[in-house]
Amino acid sequence: MKSIIIFLLLTISSFTCMSDSDCRFGKVCVKKPFSSNGVCIKEVDEYGVQQYNSPRLESIMPRMNNDGCDFDTDCPIGFRDVIGIIKSA
């Protein structure tokens, strides 16, 4: 039982981030509006093609805006809303 709990904690903690530098290559740290912690998510363009960009300097700071989508209907076709951001469906 303890090994299962430890595995879950390690799995959950591996997805949390404070900046893009905490994420693996090809992923970015996405935060809820006005939050300093987020999750690592694959970065894609408007066609769903994965992007491999350098870590963004502004990802170190808390996200101080709400420029994502509020509902799935606000997102482009093939994408959905996840914690106030756009994610590929």
N, C-alpha and C. Protein backbone atom coordinates (compact mmCIF):
# COMPACT_ATOMS: atom_id res chain seq x y z
N MET A 1 0.83 -1.20 0.00
CA MET A 1 0.00 0.00 0.00
C MET A 1 0.87 1.26 0.00
N LYS A 2 1.95 1.25 0.81
CA LYS A 2 2.82 2.42 0.87
C LYS A 2 3.48 2.70 -0.48
N SER A 3 3.85 1.65 -1.19
CA SER A 3 4.51 1.84 -2.48
C SER A 3 3.56 2.49 -3.49
N ILE A 4 2.28 2.17 -3.42
CA ILE A 4 1.30 2.78 -4.32
C ILE A 4 1.16 4.27 -4.01
N ILE A 5 1.09 4.62 -2.75
CA ILE A 5 0.95 6.02 -2.36
C ILE A 5 2.19 6.81 -2.77
N ILE A 6 3.36 6.28 -2.56
CA ILE A 6 4.59 6.96 -2.95
C ILE A 6 4.63 7.15 -4.46
N PHE A 7 4.24 6.12 -5.21
CA PHE A 7 4.21 6.23 -6.67
C PHE A 7 3.25 7.34 -7.10
N LEU A 8 2.08 7.41 -6.49
CA LEU A 8 1.12 8.47 -6.83
C LEU A 8 1.67 9.85 -6.51
N LEU A 9 2.32 10.00 -5.37
CA LEU A 9 2.89 11.29 -5.01
C LEU A 9 3.99 11.70 -5.97
N LEU A 10 4.84 10.76 -6.36
CA LEU A 10 5.89 11.06 -7.33
C LEU A 10 5.30 11.41 -8.68
N THR A 11 4.26 10.71 -9.08
CA THR A 11 3.62 10.98 -10.36
C THR A 11 2.96 12.35 -10.36
N ILE A 12 2.24 12.67 -9.31
CA ILE A 12 1.57 13.97 -9.22
C ILE A 12 2.59 15.10 -9.16
N SER A 13 3.61 14.96 -8.35
CA SER A 13 4.59 16.03 -8.20
C SER A 13 5.40 16.25 -9.47
N SER A 14 5.53 15.22 -10.32
CA SER A 14 6.32 15.38 -11.52
C SER A 14 5.64 16.26 -12.56
N PHE A 15 4.34 16.49 -12.43
CA PHE A 15 3.61 17.32 -13.37
C PHE A 15 3.51 18.77 -12.91
N THR A 16 3.84 19.07 -11.67
CA THR A 16 3.74 20.44 -11.18
C THR A 16 4.99 21.23 -11.55
N CYS A 17 4.82 22.53 -11.72
CA CYS A 17 5.94 23.37 -12.12
C CYS A 17 5.74 24.79 -11.62
N MET A 18 6.83 25.53 -11.60
CA MET A 18 6.79 26.96 -11.29
C MET A 18 7.25 27.78 -12.49
N SER A 19 7.92 27.13 -13.45
CA SER A 19 8.36 27.80 -14.68
C SER A 19 8.58 26.75 -15.75
N ASP A 20 8.79 27.19 -16.98
CA ASP A 20 9.04 26.27 -18.10
C ASP A 20 10.28 25.42 -17.85
N SER A 21 11.24 25.93 -17.10
CA SER A 21 12.48 25.20 -16.83
C SER A 21 12.24 23.94 -16.00
N ASP A 22 11.10 23.87 -15.31
CA ASP A 22 10.76 22.69 -14.52
C ASP A 22 10.18 21.57 -15.37
N CYS A 23 9.85 21.88 -16.62
CA CYS A 23 9.19 20.91 -17.51
C CYS A 23 10.19 20.27 -18.46
N ARG A 24 9.83 19.12 -19.00
CA ARG A 24 10.66 18.45 -19.99
C ARG A 24 10.63 19.21 -21.30
N PHE A 25 11.59 18.90 -22.16
CA PHE A 25 11.69 19.55 -23.47
C PHE A 25 10.40 19.35 -24.27
N GLY A 26 9.88 20.42 -24.85
CA GLY A 26 8.64 20.34 -25.62
C GLY A 26 7.40 20.61 -24.81
N LYS A 27 7.56 20.87 -23.52
CA LYS A 27 6.42 21.17 -22.65
C LYS A 27 6.62 22.53 -22.01
N VAL A 28 5.51 23.17 -21.64
CA VAL A 28 5.55 24.47 -20.98
C VAL A 28 4.77 24.41 -19.69
N CYS A 29 5.10 25.28 -18.77
CA CYS A 29 4.40 25.37 -17.50
C CYS A 29 3.18 26.27 -17.69
N VAL A 30 2.00 25.70 -17.50
CA VAL A 30 0.74 26.44 -17.68
C VAL A 30 0.10 26.61 -16.31
N LYS A 31 -0.25 27.86 -15.99
CA LYS A 31 -0.77 28.19 -14.67
C LYS A 31 -2.18 28.74 -14.77
N LYS A 32 -2.96 28.53 -13.73
CA LYS A 32 -4.27 29.17 -13.63
C LYS A 32 -4.04 30.67 -13.52
N PRO A 33 -5.04 31.49 -13.88
CA PRO A 33 -4.88 32.93 -13.72
C PRO A 33 -4.55 33.29 -12.27
N PHE A 34 -3.59 34.19 -12.11
CA PHE A 34 -3.15 34.72 -10.81
C PHE A 34 -2.53 33.65 -9.91
N SER A 35 -1.92 32.64 -10.51
CA SER A 35 -1.28 31.56 -9.77
C SER A 35 0.21 31.50 -10.11
N SER A 36 1.02 31.04 -9.16
CA SER A 36 2.45 30.91 -9.41
C SER A 36 2.86 29.46 -9.68
N ASN A 37 1.96 28.50 -9.44
CA ASN A 37 2.22 27.08 -9.71
C ASN A 37 1.33 26.61 -10.85
N GLY A 38 1.83 25.66 -11.63
CA GLY A 38 1.05 25.14 -12.73
C GLY A 38 1.37 23.71 -13.03
N VAL A 39 1.03 23.28 -14.23
CA VAL A 39 1.29 21.92 -14.69
C VAL A 39 2.02 21.98 -16.03
N CYS A 40 2.83 20.97 -16.30
CA CYS A 40 3.56 20.89 -17.57
C CYS A 40 2.65 20.28 -18.63
N ILE A 41 2.49 21.01 -19.73
CA ILE A 41 1.62 20.58 -20.82
C ILE A 41 2.37 20.72 -22.13
N LYS A 42 2.13 19.78 -23.06
CA LYS A 42 2.76 19.82 -24.37
C LYS A 42 2.33 21.10 -25.10
N GLU A 43 3.30 21.82 -25.64
CA GLU A 43 3.02 23.04 -26.37
C GLU A 43 2.79 22.70 -27.84
N VAL A 44 1.65 23.15 -28.38
CA VAL A 44 1.32 22.90 -29.79
C VAL A 44 0.91 24.21 -30.46
N ASP A 45 0.95 24.21 -31.80
CA ASP A 45 0.46 25.38 -32.54
C ASP A 45 -1.04 25.21 -32.79
N GLU A 46 -1.62 26.10 -33.59
CA GLU A 46 -3.06 26.06 -33.83
C GLU A 46 -3.52 24.83 -34.60
N TYR A 47 -2.58 24.08 -35.18
CA TYR A 47 -2.92 22.86 -35.91
C TYR A 47 -2.66 21.60 -35.08
N GLY A 48 -2.19 21.75 -33.85
CA GLY A 48 -1.91 20.61 -32.99
C GLY A 48 -0.53 20.02 -33.16
N VAL A 49 0.35 20.70 -33.90
CA VAL A 49 1.72 20.23 -34.11
C VAL A 49 2.58 20.67 -32.93
N GLN A 50 3.27 19.73 -32.30
CA GLN A 50 4.06 20.05 -31.12
C GLN A 50 5.17 21.04 -31.45
N GLN A 51 5.36 22.01 -30.56
CA GLN A 51 6.39 23.03 -30.71
C GLN A 51 7.51 22.76 -29.70
N TYR A 52 8.73 23.05 -30.10
CA TYR A 52 9.89 22.85 -29.23
C TYR A 52 10.62 24.19 -29.08
N ASN A 53 10.08 25.04 -28.22
CA ASN A 53 10.66 26.37 -28.01
C ASN A 53 11.49 26.41 -26.74
N SER A 54 12.34 27.41 -26.64
CA SER A 54 13.13 27.61 -25.42
C SER A 54 12.20 28.01 -24.28
N PRO A 55 12.60 27.76 -23.03
CA PRO A 55 11.78 28.19 -21.90
C PRO A 55 11.56 29.71 -21.94
N ARG A 56 10.34 30.11 -21.63
CA ARG A 56 9.99 31.53 -21.63
C ARG A 56 10.42 32.17 -20.31
N LEU A 57 11.05 33.33 -20.38
CA LEU A 57 11.48 34.02 -19.16
C LEU A 57 10.29 34.44 -18.30
N GLU A 58 9.19 34.84 -18.94
CA GLU A 58 8.02 35.30 -18.18
C GLU A 58 7.31 34.16 -17.45
N SER A 59 7.68 32.90 -17.73
CA SER A 59 7.04 31.78 -17.05
C SER A 59 7.45 31.68 -15.59
N ILE A 60 8.49 32.39 -15.20
CA ILE A 60 8.95 32.37 -13.81
C ILE A 60 7.97 33.11 -12.90
N MET A 61 7.34 34.14 -13.43
CA MET A 61 6.43 34.98 -12.65
C MET A 61 5.03 34.35 -12.61
N PRO A 62 4.21 34.75 -11.61
CA PRO A 62 2.81 34.28 -11.59
C PRO A 62 2.07 34.76 -12.83
N ARG A 63 1.09 34.00 -13.27
CA ARG A 63 0.28 34.41 -14.42
C ARG A 63 -0.69 35.49 -13.94
N MET A 64 -0.54 36.70 -14.45
CA MET A 64 -1.32 37.83 -13.97
C MET A 64 -2.44 38.24 -14.92
N ASN A 65 -2.84 37.35 -15.83
CA ASN A 65 -3.96 37.68 -16.72
C ASN A 65 -4.83 36.45 -16.93
N ASN A 66 -5.95 36.68 -17.60
CA ASN A 66 -6.86 35.58 -17.91
C ASN A 66 -7.11 35.60 -19.41
N ASP A 67 -6.05 35.36 -20.22
CA ASP A 67 -6.17 35.45 -21.66
C ASP A 67 -6.44 34.11 -22.33
N GLY A 68 -6.78 33.10 -21.57
CA GLY A 68 -7.13 31.79 -22.12
C GLY A 68 -8.62 31.75 -22.43
N CYS A 69 -9.16 30.57 -22.62
CA CYS A 69 -10.59 30.46 -22.87
C CYS A 69 -11.31 30.10 -21.57
N ASP A 70 -12.55 30.55 -21.46
CA ASP A 70 -13.35 30.27 -20.26
C ASP A 70 -14.20 29.02 -20.42
N PHE A 71 -14.57 28.72 -21.66
CA PHE A 71 -15.41 27.56 -21.97
C PHE A 71 -14.84 26.86 -23.20
N ASP A 72 -15.20 25.61 -23.40
CA ASP A 72 -14.73 24.88 -24.58
C ASP A 72 -15.13 25.59 -25.87
N THR A 73 -16.27 26.28 -25.86
CA THR A 73 -16.73 26.98 -27.06
C THR A 73 -15.87 28.19 -27.40
N ASP A 74 -15.05 28.68 -26.46
CA ASP A 74 -14.13 29.79 -26.71
C ASP A 74 -12.87 29.34 -27.42
N CYS A 75 -12.62 28.04 -27.44
CA CYS A 75 -11.37 27.49 -27.98
C CYS A 75 -11.51 27.19 -29.47
N PRO A 76 -10.36 27.14 -30.19
CA PRO A 76 -10.41 26.73 -31.59
C PRO A 76 -10.92 25.30 -31.74
N ILE A 77 -11.38 24.94 -32.93
CA ILE A 77 -11.88 23.58 -33.19
C ILE A 77 -10.76 22.57 -32.92
N GLY A 78 -11.09 21.51 -32.20
CA GLY A 78 -10.12 20.48 -31.86
C GLY A 78 -9.40 20.73 -30.55
N PHE A 79 -9.73 21.83 -29.86
CA PHE A 79 -9.11 22.15 -28.57
C PHE A 79 -10.21 22.32 -27.53
N ARG A 80 -9.82 22.23 -26.25
CA ARG A 80 -10.79 22.40 -25.17
C ARG A 80 -10.16 23.20 -24.04
N ASP A 81 -11.01 23.72 -23.16
CA ASP A 81 -10.54 24.53 -22.03
C ASP A 81 -10.08 23.63 -20.89
N VAL A 82 -8.89 23.90 -20.37
CA VAL A 82 -8.36 23.20 -19.21
C VAL A 82 -7.75 24.25 -18.29
N ILE A 83 -8.28 24.40 -17.10
CA ILE A 83 -7.83 25.39 -16.10
C ILE A 83 -7.65 26.79 -16.68
N GLY A 84 -8.52 27.21 -17.57
CA GLY A 84 -8.43 28.56 -18.12
C GLY A 84 -7.42 28.72 -19.23
N ILE A 85 -6.98 27.62 -19.84
CA ILE A 85 -6.04 27.69 -20.97
C ILE A 85 -6.61 26.86 -22.11
N ILE A 86 -5.97 26.87 -23.24
CA ILE A 86 -6.42 26.10 -24.39
C ILE A 86 -5.60 24.82 -24.48
N LYS A 87 -6.26 23.68 -24.65
CA LYS A 87 -5.55 22.40 -24.76
C LYS A 87 -6.12 21.61 -25.93
N SER A 88 -5.26 20.87 -26.60
CA SER A 88 -5.68 20.03 -27.71
C SER A 88 -6.64 18.95 -27.22
N ALA A 89 -7.73 18.75 -27.94
CA ALA A 89 -8.75 17.77 -27.51
C ALA A 89 -8.33 16.36 -27.85
